[in-house]
């Protein structure tokens, strides 16, 4: 049996946020053996897998994105929505908009130090929407 739902994430401040528990709590349908595909429906936020234990990794990732892709670059022409808009689009493309995770025995088969990250790249991005698709591979 396949399943699909939309997960709406609460607004967060700009930065990199660990959302693994929030995703799992909203998917009681995780069962058996399968795949979970997550697709974020926003162009100024991204998702990826990375270190889940040390919060300094998330701070360093935010630092890297902000230093590498700064606001107020005079070369940007897409500026109607504010100085953080175009850099947010570039950061989102860099991080990515989708991930696929294996499900084993009803749990995400993440490595010991892996978690799901939301990259919120706007100063006031608002709620973010993800489509979660579970593909059942049988038992």
N, C-alpha and C. Protein backbone atom coordinates (compact mmCIF):
# COMPACT_ATOMS: atom_id res chain seq x y z
N UNK A 1 0.83 -1.17 0.00
CA UNK A 1 0.00 0.00 0.00
C UNK A 1 0.88 1.24 0.00
N UNK A 2 0.59 2.17 -0.88
CA UNK A 2 1.31 3.44 -0.92
C UNK A 2 0.46 4.50 -0.23
N UNK A 3 1.13 5.54 0.26
CA UNK A 3 0.45 6.57 1.04
C UNK A 3 1.09 7.92 0.73
N UNK A 4 0.25 8.97 0.72
CA UNK A 4 0.79 10.32 0.50
C UNK A 4 0.02 11.31 1.36
N UNK A 5 0.76 12.25 1.96
CA UNK A 5 0.15 13.30 2.77
C UNK A 5 1.01 14.55 2.68
N UNK A 6 0.46 15.64 3.15
CA UNK A 6 1.20 16.90 3.23
C UNK A 6 1.52 17.18 4.69
N UNK A 7 2.76 17.50 4.95
CA UNK A 7 3.20 17.89 6.28
C UNK A 7 3.44 19.40 6.24
N UNK A 8 2.78 20.12 7.14
CA UNK A 8 3.00 21.56 7.22
C UNK A 8 3.87 21.83 8.44
N UNK A 9 5.05 22.38 8.18
CA UNK A 9 6.00 22.69 9.24
C UNK A 9 5.72 24.10 9.75
N UNK A 10 5.75 24.28 11.05
CA UNK A 10 5.54 25.60 11.65
C UNK A 10 6.63 26.57 11.17
N UNK A 11 6.31 27.86 11.11
CA UNK A 11 7.34 28.84 10.74
C UNK A 11 8.53 28.76 11.68
N UNK A 12 9.70 28.92 11.11
CA UNK A 12 10.93 28.92 11.89
C UNK A 12 11.77 30.13 11.50
N UNK A 13 12.67 30.49 12.41
CA UNK A 13 13.58 31.58 12.08
C UNK A 13 14.58 31.09 11.04
N UNK A 14 15.23 32.00 10.42
CA UNK A 14 16.24 31.66 9.41
C UNK A 14 17.32 30.79 10.05
N UNK A 15 17.73 29.74 9.34
CA UNK A 15 18.76 28.85 9.85
C UNK A 15 18.52 27.42 9.40
N UNK A 16 19.32 26.53 9.94
CA UNK A 16 19.23 25.11 9.64
C UNK A 16 18.60 24.43 10.87
N UNK A 17 17.53 23.68 10.64
CA UNK A 17 16.76 23.10 11.74
C UNK A 17 16.64 21.58 11.57
N UNK A 18 16.82 20.86 12.66
CA UNK A 18 16.65 19.41 12.68
C UNK A 18 15.16 19.12 12.83
N UNK A 19 14.58 18.41 11.85
CA UNK A 19 13.12 18.17 11.85
C UNK A 19 12.78 16.68 11.84
N UNK A 20 13.73 15.81 12.08
CA UNK A 20 13.48 14.37 12.01
C UNK A 20 12.31 13.94 12.88
N UNK A 21 12.32 14.32 14.14
CA UNK A 21 11.25 13.89 15.05
C UNK A 21 9.90 14.41 14.62
N UNK A 22 9.85 15.65 14.16
CA UNK A 22 8.59 16.23 13.70
C UNK A 22 8.02 15.45 12.51
N UNK A 23 8.89 15.07 11.59
CA UNK A 23 8.46 14.31 10.42
C UNK A 23 7.94 12.94 10.86
N UNK A 24 8.69 12.25 11.69
CA UNK A 24 8.30 10.90 12.12
C UNK A 24 6.98 10.94 12.91
N UNK A 25 6.82 11.93 13.78
CA UNK A 25 5.59 12.05 14.56
C UNK A 25 4.37 12.26 13.68
N UNK A 26 4.55 12.88 12.55
CA UNK A 26 3.42 13.16 11.65
C UNK A 26 3.17 12.04 10.65
N UNK A 27 3.96 10.96 10.75
CA UNK A 27 3.80 9.84 9.82
C UNK A 27 3.63 8.52 10.57
N UNK A 28 2.50 8.33 11.24
CA UNK A 28 2.27 7.04 11.89
C UNK A 28 2.16 5.90 10.88
N UNK A 29 2.06 6.25 9.60
CA UNK A 29 1.95 5.24 8.54
C UNK A 29 3.28 4.55 8.24
N UNK A 30 4.38 4.98 8.86
CA UNK A 30 5.67 4.31 8.66
C UNK A 30 5.56 2.89 9.21
N UNK A 31 5.59 1.92 8.33
CA UNK A 31 5.46 0.53 8.76
C UNK A 31 6.31 -0.35 7.85
N UNK A 32 6.71 -1.47 8.35
CA UNK A 32 7.35 -2.49 7.54
C UNK A 32 8.57 -2.02 6.79
N UNK A 33 8.58 -2.35 5.50
CA UNK A 33 9.71 -2.10 4.62
C UNK A 33 9.24 -1.19 3.49
N UNK A 34 10.00 -0.13 3.23
CA UNK A 34 9.58 0.77 2.16
C UNK A 34 10.52 1.93 1.99
N UNK A 35 10.01 2.96 1.36
CA UNK A 35 10.76 4.19 1.11
C UNK A 35 9.89 5.38 1.47
N UNK A 36 10.50 6.38 2.07
CA UNK A 36 9.83 7.65 2.32
C UNK A 36 10.48 8.69 1.43
N UNK A 37 9.67 9.34 0.63
CA UNK A 37 10.14 10.44 -0.21
C UNK A 37 9.55 11.72 0.35
N UNK A 38 10.40 12.71 0.63
CA UNK A 38 9.96 14.03 1.09
C UNK A 38 10.32 15.06 0.04
N UNK A 39 9.34 15.89 -0.30
CA UNK A 39 9.52 16.96 -1.29
C UNK A 39 9.00 18.25 -0.70
N UNK A 40 9.87 19.24 -0.55
CA UNK A 40 9.46 20.52 0.01
C UNK A 40 8.90 21.38 -1.12
N UNK A 41 7.73 21.97 -0.89
CA UNK A 41 7.03 22.73 -1.91
C UNK A 41 7.32 24.22 -1.81
N UNK A 42 8.54 24.57 -1.57
CA UNK A 42 8.93 25.97 -1.45
C UNK A 42 10.23 26.20 -2.21
N UNK A 43 10.40 27.40 -2.70
CA UNK A 43 11.61 27.70 -3.48
C UNK A 43 12.65 28.48 -2.69
N UNK A 44 12.38 28.76 -1.42
CA UNK A 44 13.35 29.50 -0.62
C UNK A 44 13.69 28.75 0.67
N UNK A 45 13.42 27.44 0.68
CA UNK A 45 13.80 26.55 1.78
C UNK A 45 14.21 25.22 1.17
N UNK A 46 15.02 24.46 1.87
CA UNK A 46 15.49 23.18 1.35
C UNK A 46 15.49 22.12 2.42
N UNK A 47 15.71 20.87 1.99
CA UNK A 47 15.84 19.75 2.93
C UNK A 47 17.03 18.89 2.53
N UNK A 48 17.63 18.27 3.54
CA UNK A 48 18.77 17.37 3.30
C UNK A 48 18.96 16.50 4.52
N UNK A 49 19.92 15.60 4.43
CA UNK A 49 20.32 14.73 5.54
C UNK A 49 21.72 15.17 5.99
N UNK A 50 21.91 15.27 7.31
CA UNK A 50 23.23 15.59 7.82
C UNK A 50 23.30 15.25 9.30
N UNK A 51 24.36 15.66 9.95
CA UNK A 51 24.68 15.39 11.36
C UNK A 51 23.53 15.79 12.28
N UNK A 52 23.11 14.87 13.16
CA UNK A 52 21.98 15.17 14.04
C UNK A 52 22.37 15.35 15.50
N UNK A 53 23.61 15.16 15.86
CA UNK A 53 23.98 15.16 17.28
C UNK A 53 24.49 16.50 17.78
N UNK A 54 25.36 17.14 17.04
CA UNK A 54 26.02 18.36 17.50
C UNK A 54 25.40 19.58 16.83
N UNK A 55 24.71 20.44 17.57
CA UNK A 55 24.07 21.62 16.98
C UNK A 55 25.05 22.58 16.30
N UNK A 56 26.34 22.48 16.63
CA UNK A 56 27.30 23.38 15.98
C UNK A 56 27.39 23.11 14.49
N UNK A 57 27.06 21.89 14.05
CA UNK A 57 27.06 21.59 12.61
C UNK A 57 26.01 22.46 11.92
N UNK A 58 24.82 22.58 12.51
CA UNK A 58 23.77 23.39 11.91
C UNK A 58 24.16 24.87 11.89
N UNK A 59 24.78 25.33 12.97
CA UNK A 59 25.25 26.74 12.99
C UNK A 59 26.31 26.96 11.90
N UNK A 60 27.24 26.01 11.77
CA UNK A 60 28.29 26.15 10.76
C UNK A 60 27.72 26.09 9.35
N UNK A 61 26.69 25.28 9.15
CA UNK A 61 26.06 25.23 7.82
C UNK A 61 25.40 26.57 7.51
N UNK A 62 24.70 27.15 8.48
CA UNK A 62 24.10 28.47 8.28
C UNK A 62 25.16 29.50 7.97
N UNK A 63 26.26 29.46 8.72
CA UNK A 63 27.37 30.39 8.48
C UNK A 63 27.90 30.24 7.05
N UNK A 64 28.11 28.99 6.63
CA UNK A 64 28.62 28.73 5.28
C UNK A 64 27.68 29.31 4.22
N UNK A 65 26.38 29.00 4.32
CA UNK A 65 25.44 29.50 3.32
C UNK A 65 25.42 31.03 3.30
N UNK A 66 25.39 31.67 4.49
CA UNK A 66 25.32 33.13 4.53
C UNK A 66 26.59 33.78 4.03
N UNK A 67 27.73 33.17 4.29
CA UNK A 67 29.00 33.74 3.81
C UNK A 67 29.17 33.52 2.31
N UNK A 68 28.81 32.35 1.84
CA UNK A 68 29.00 31.99 0.44
C UNK A 68 27.97 32.66 -0.48
N UNK A 69 26.75 32.82 0.02
CA UNK A 69 25.66 33.39 -0.78
C UNK A 69 25.09 34.57 0.01
N UNK A 70 25.76 35.73 -0.04
CA UNK A 70 25.36 36.87 0.80
C UNK A 70 24.14 37.61 0.25
N UNK A 71 23.51 38.35 1.16
CA UNK A 71 22.44 39.26 0.78
C UNK A 71 23.05 40.55 0.21
N UNK A 72 22.19 41.34 -0.40
CA UNK A 72 22.55 42.67 -0.89
C UNK A 72 23.65 42.67 -1.94
N UNK A 73 23.81 41.59 -2.68
CA UNK A 73 24.77 41.58 -3.79
C UNK A 73 24.19 42.46 -4.89
N UNK A 74 24.93 43.45 -5.35
CA UNK A 74 24.39 44.36 -6.36
C UNK A 74 24.12 43.69 -7.71
N UNK A 75 24.60 42.48 -7.90
CA UNK A 75 24.35 41.77 -9.14
C UNK A 75 22.98 41.11 -9.22
N UNK A 76 22.30 40.94 -8.08
CA UNK A 76 20.97 40.34 -8.07
C UNK A 76 19.96 41.28 -8.71
N UNK A 77 19.12 40.73 -9.57
CA UNK A 77 18.04 41.54 -10.16
C UNK A 77 16.68 41.16 -9.60
N UNK A 78 16.55 39.99 -9.02
CA UNK A 78 15.29 39.54 -8.40
C UNK A 78 15.29 40.04 -6.95
N UNK A 79 14.83 41.27 -6.75
CA UNK A 79 14.94 41.90 -5.43
C UNK A 79 13.61 42.44 -4.90
N UNK A 80 12.50 42.23 -5.60
CA UNK A 80 11.22 42.82 -5.19
C UNK A 80 10.74 42.33 -3.83
N UNK A 81 11.10 41.11 -3.44
CA UNK A 81 10.62 40.55 -2.17
C UNK A 81 11.62 40.73 -1.03
N UNK A 82 12.62 41.56 -1.23
CA UNK A 82 13.57 41.84 -0.16
C UNK A 82 14.95 41.28 -0.42
N UNK A 83 15.91 41.74 0.37
CA UNK A 83 17.31 41.36 0.14
C UNK A 83 17.62 39.89 0.43
N UNK A 84 16.75 39.19 1.18
CA UNK A 84 17.02 37.79 1.48
C UNK A 84 16.39 36.84 0.46
N UNK A 85 15.59 37.37 -0.49
CA UNK A 85 14.83 36.50 -1.40
C UNK A 85 15.71 35.76 -2.41
N UNK A 86 16.46 36.47 -3.22
CA UNK A 86 17.28 35.79 -4.23
C UNK A 86 18.33 34.89 -3.59
N UNK A 87 19.03 35.35 -2.53
CA UNK A 87 19.96 34.44 -1.88
C UNK A 87 19.26 33.17 -1.35
N UNK A 88 18.01 33.31 -0.87
CA UNK A 88 17.27 32.14 -0.38
C UNK A 88 17.01 31.15 -1.51
N UNK A 89 16.69 31.64 -2.70
CA UNK A 89 16.47 30.74 -3.84
C UNK A 89 17.76 29.97 -4.18
N UNK A 90 18.87 30.68 -4.18
CA UNK A 90 20.16 30.04 -4.51
C UNK A 90 20.53 29.00 -3.45
N UNK A 91 20.33 29.36 -2.18
CA UNK A 91 20.62 28.42 -1.09
C UNK A 91 19.73 27.18 -1.18
N UNK A 92 18.45 27.38 -1.50
CA UNK A 92 17.51 26.26 -1.61
C UNK A 92 17.92 25.31 -2.74
N UNK A 93 18.35 25.86 -3.87
CA UNK A 93 18.81 25.02 -4.98
C UNK A 93 20.06 24.25 -4.56
N UNK A 94 20.93 24.90 -3.81
CA UNK A 94 22.16 24.26 -3.36
C UNK A 94 21.87 23.12 -2.39
N UNK A 95 20.95 23.33 -1.45
CA UNK A 95 20.61 22.28 -0.49
C UNK A 95 19.77 21.18 -1.14
N UNK A 96 18.80 21.56 -1.93
CA UNK A 96 17.93 20.60 -2.58
C UNK A 96 16.51 20.64 -2.05
N UNK A 97 15.60 20.05 -2.80
CA UNK A 97 14.18 20.11 -2.45
C UNK A 97 13.59 18.75 -2.14
N UNK A 98 14.38 17.68 -2.18
CA UNK A 98 13.81 16.36 -1.93
C UNK A 98 14.85 15.40 -1.38
N UNK A 99 14.36 14.44 -0.61
CA UNK A 99 15.19 13.34 -0.11
C UNK A 99 14.36 12.06 -0.13
N UNK A 100 15.02 10.94 -0.25
CA UNK A 100 14.38 9.63 -0.17
C UNK A 100 15.11 8.82 0.89
N UNK A 101 14.34 8.26 1.81
CA UNK A 101 14.90 7.52 2.93
C UNK A 101 14.34 6.11 2.98
N UNK A 102 15.17 5.12 3.28
CA UNK A 102 14.65 3.76 3.44
C UNK A 102 13.90 3.62 4.77
N UNK A 103 12.87 2.80 4.74
CA UNK A 103 12.12 2.43 5.94
C UNK A 103 12.41 0.96 6.20
N UNK A 104 12.85 0.66 7.42
CA UNK A 104 13.15 -0.73 7.80
C UNK A 104 12.47 -1.01 9.14
N UNK A 105 11.64 -2.01 9.18
CA UNK A 105 10.91 -2.40 10.39
C UNK A 105 10.14 -1.22 10.98
N UNK A 106 9.53 -0.43 10.10
CA UNK A 106 8.69 0.68 10.54
C UNK A 106 9.42 1.91 11.04
N UNK A 107 10.74 1.96 10.82
CA UNK A 107 11.55 3.11 11.25
C UNK A 107 12.40 3.62 10.10
N UNK A 108 12.72 4.90 10.13
CA UNK A 108 13.64 5.42 9.13
C UNK A 108 15.00 4.81 9.35
N UNK A 109 15.61 4.29 8.30
CA UNK A 109 16.91 3.63 8.40
C UNK A 109 18.03 4.65 8.24
N UNK A 110 18.03 5.63 9.13
CA UNK A 110 19.08 6.64 9.14
C UNK A 110 20.31 6.10 9.84
N UNK A 111 21.47 6.62 9.48
CA UNK A 111 22.69 6.26 10.19
C UNK A 111 22.67 6.85 11.59
N UNK A 112 23.58 6.39 12.43
CA UNK A 112 23.62 6.78 13.84
C UNK A 112 23.59 8.29 14.03
N UNK A 113 24.32 9.03 13.20
CA UNK A 113 24.44 10.48 13.39
C UNK A 113 23.71 11.27 12.31
N UNK A 114 22.70 10.68 11.69
CA UNK A 114 21.99 11.36 10.61
C UNK A 114 20.61 11.84 11.05
N UNK A 115 20.23 12.99 10.52
CA UNK A 115 18.91 13.54 10.76
C UNK A 115 18.46 14.34 9.54
N UNK A 116 17.17 14.65 9.51
CA UNK A 116 16.59 15.43 8.42
C UNK A 116 16.68 16.91 8.80
N UNK A 117 17.26 17.69 7.89
CA UNK A 117 17.40 19.14 8.08
C UNK A 117 16.39 19.89 7.23
N UNK A 118 15.85 20.95 7.78
CA UNK A 118 15.15 21.98 7.02
C UNK A 118 16.09 23.17 6.97
N UNK A 119 16.38 23.65 5.79
CA UNK A 119 17.12 24.89 5.63
C UNK A 119 16.11 26.01 5.39
N UNK A 120 15.92 26.86 6.39
CA UNK A 120 15.04 28.02 6.23
C UNK A 120 15.93 29.20 5.86
N UNK A 121 15.76 29.68 4.65
CA UNK A 121 16.67 30.68 4.12
C UNK A 121 16.08 32.08 4.03
N UNK A 122 14.83 32.26 4.46
CA UNK A 122 14.21 33.58 4.50
C UNK A 122 14.17 34.07 5.94
N UNK A 123 14.20 35.39 6.10
CA UNK A 123 14.08 35.95 7.44
C UNK A 123 12.68 35.71 8.02
N UNK A 124 11.67 35.73 7.17
CA UNK A 124 10.30 35.44 7.58
C UNK A 124 9.67 34.54 6.53
N UNK A 125 10.10 33.28 6.52
CA UNK A 125 9.66 32.35 5.49
C UNK A 125 8.25 31.81 5.66
N UNK A 126 7.75 31.81 6.87
CA UNK A 126 6.40 31.29 7.11
C UNK A 126 6.39 29.78 7.20
N UNK A 127 5.18 29.23 7.22
CA UNK A 127 5.01 27.78 7.28
C UNK A 127 5.55 27.16 5.99
N UNK A 128 6.11 25.99 6.09
CA UNK A 128 6.66 25.28 4.93
C UNK A 128 5.88 23.99 4.73
N UNK A 129 5.66 23.64 3.48
CA UNK A 129 4.88 22.44 3.12
C UNK A 129 5.78 21.39 2.49
N UNK A 130 5.62 20.16 2.97
CA UNK A 130 6.32 19.02 2.38
C UNK A 130 5.31 17.95 2.00
N UNK A 131 5.47 17.37 0.82
CA UNK A 131 4.69 16.21 0.44
C UNK A 131 5.50 14.98 0.86
N UNK A 132 4.86 14.14 1.66
CA UNK A 132 5.49 12.89 2.12
C UNK A 132 4.80 11.74 1.40
N UNK A 133 5.60 10.94 0.67
CA UNK A 133 5.08 9.78 -0.03
C UNK A 133 5.77 8.54 0.51
N UNK A 134 4.97 7.61 0.99
CA UNK A 134 5.51 6.34 1.48
C UNK A 134 5.21 5.28 0.44
N UNK A 135 6.27 4.62 -0.03
CA UNK A 135 6.13 3.53 -0.99
C UNK A 135 6.39 2.23 -0.24
N UNK A 136 5.37 1.41 -0.13
CA UNK A 136 5.44 0.14 0.60
C UNK A 136 6.12 -0.90 -0.31
N UNK A 137 7.17 -1.52 0.20
CA UNK A 137 7.88 -2.55 -0.57
C UNK A 137 7.50 -3.95 -0.13
N UNK A 138 6.50 -4.06 0.74
CA UNK A 138 6.08 -5.38 1.20
C UNK A 138 6.95 -5.89 2.32
N UNK A 139 6.65 -7.07 2.78
CA UNK A 139 7.41 -7.65 3.90
C UNK A 139 8.19 -8.84 3.46
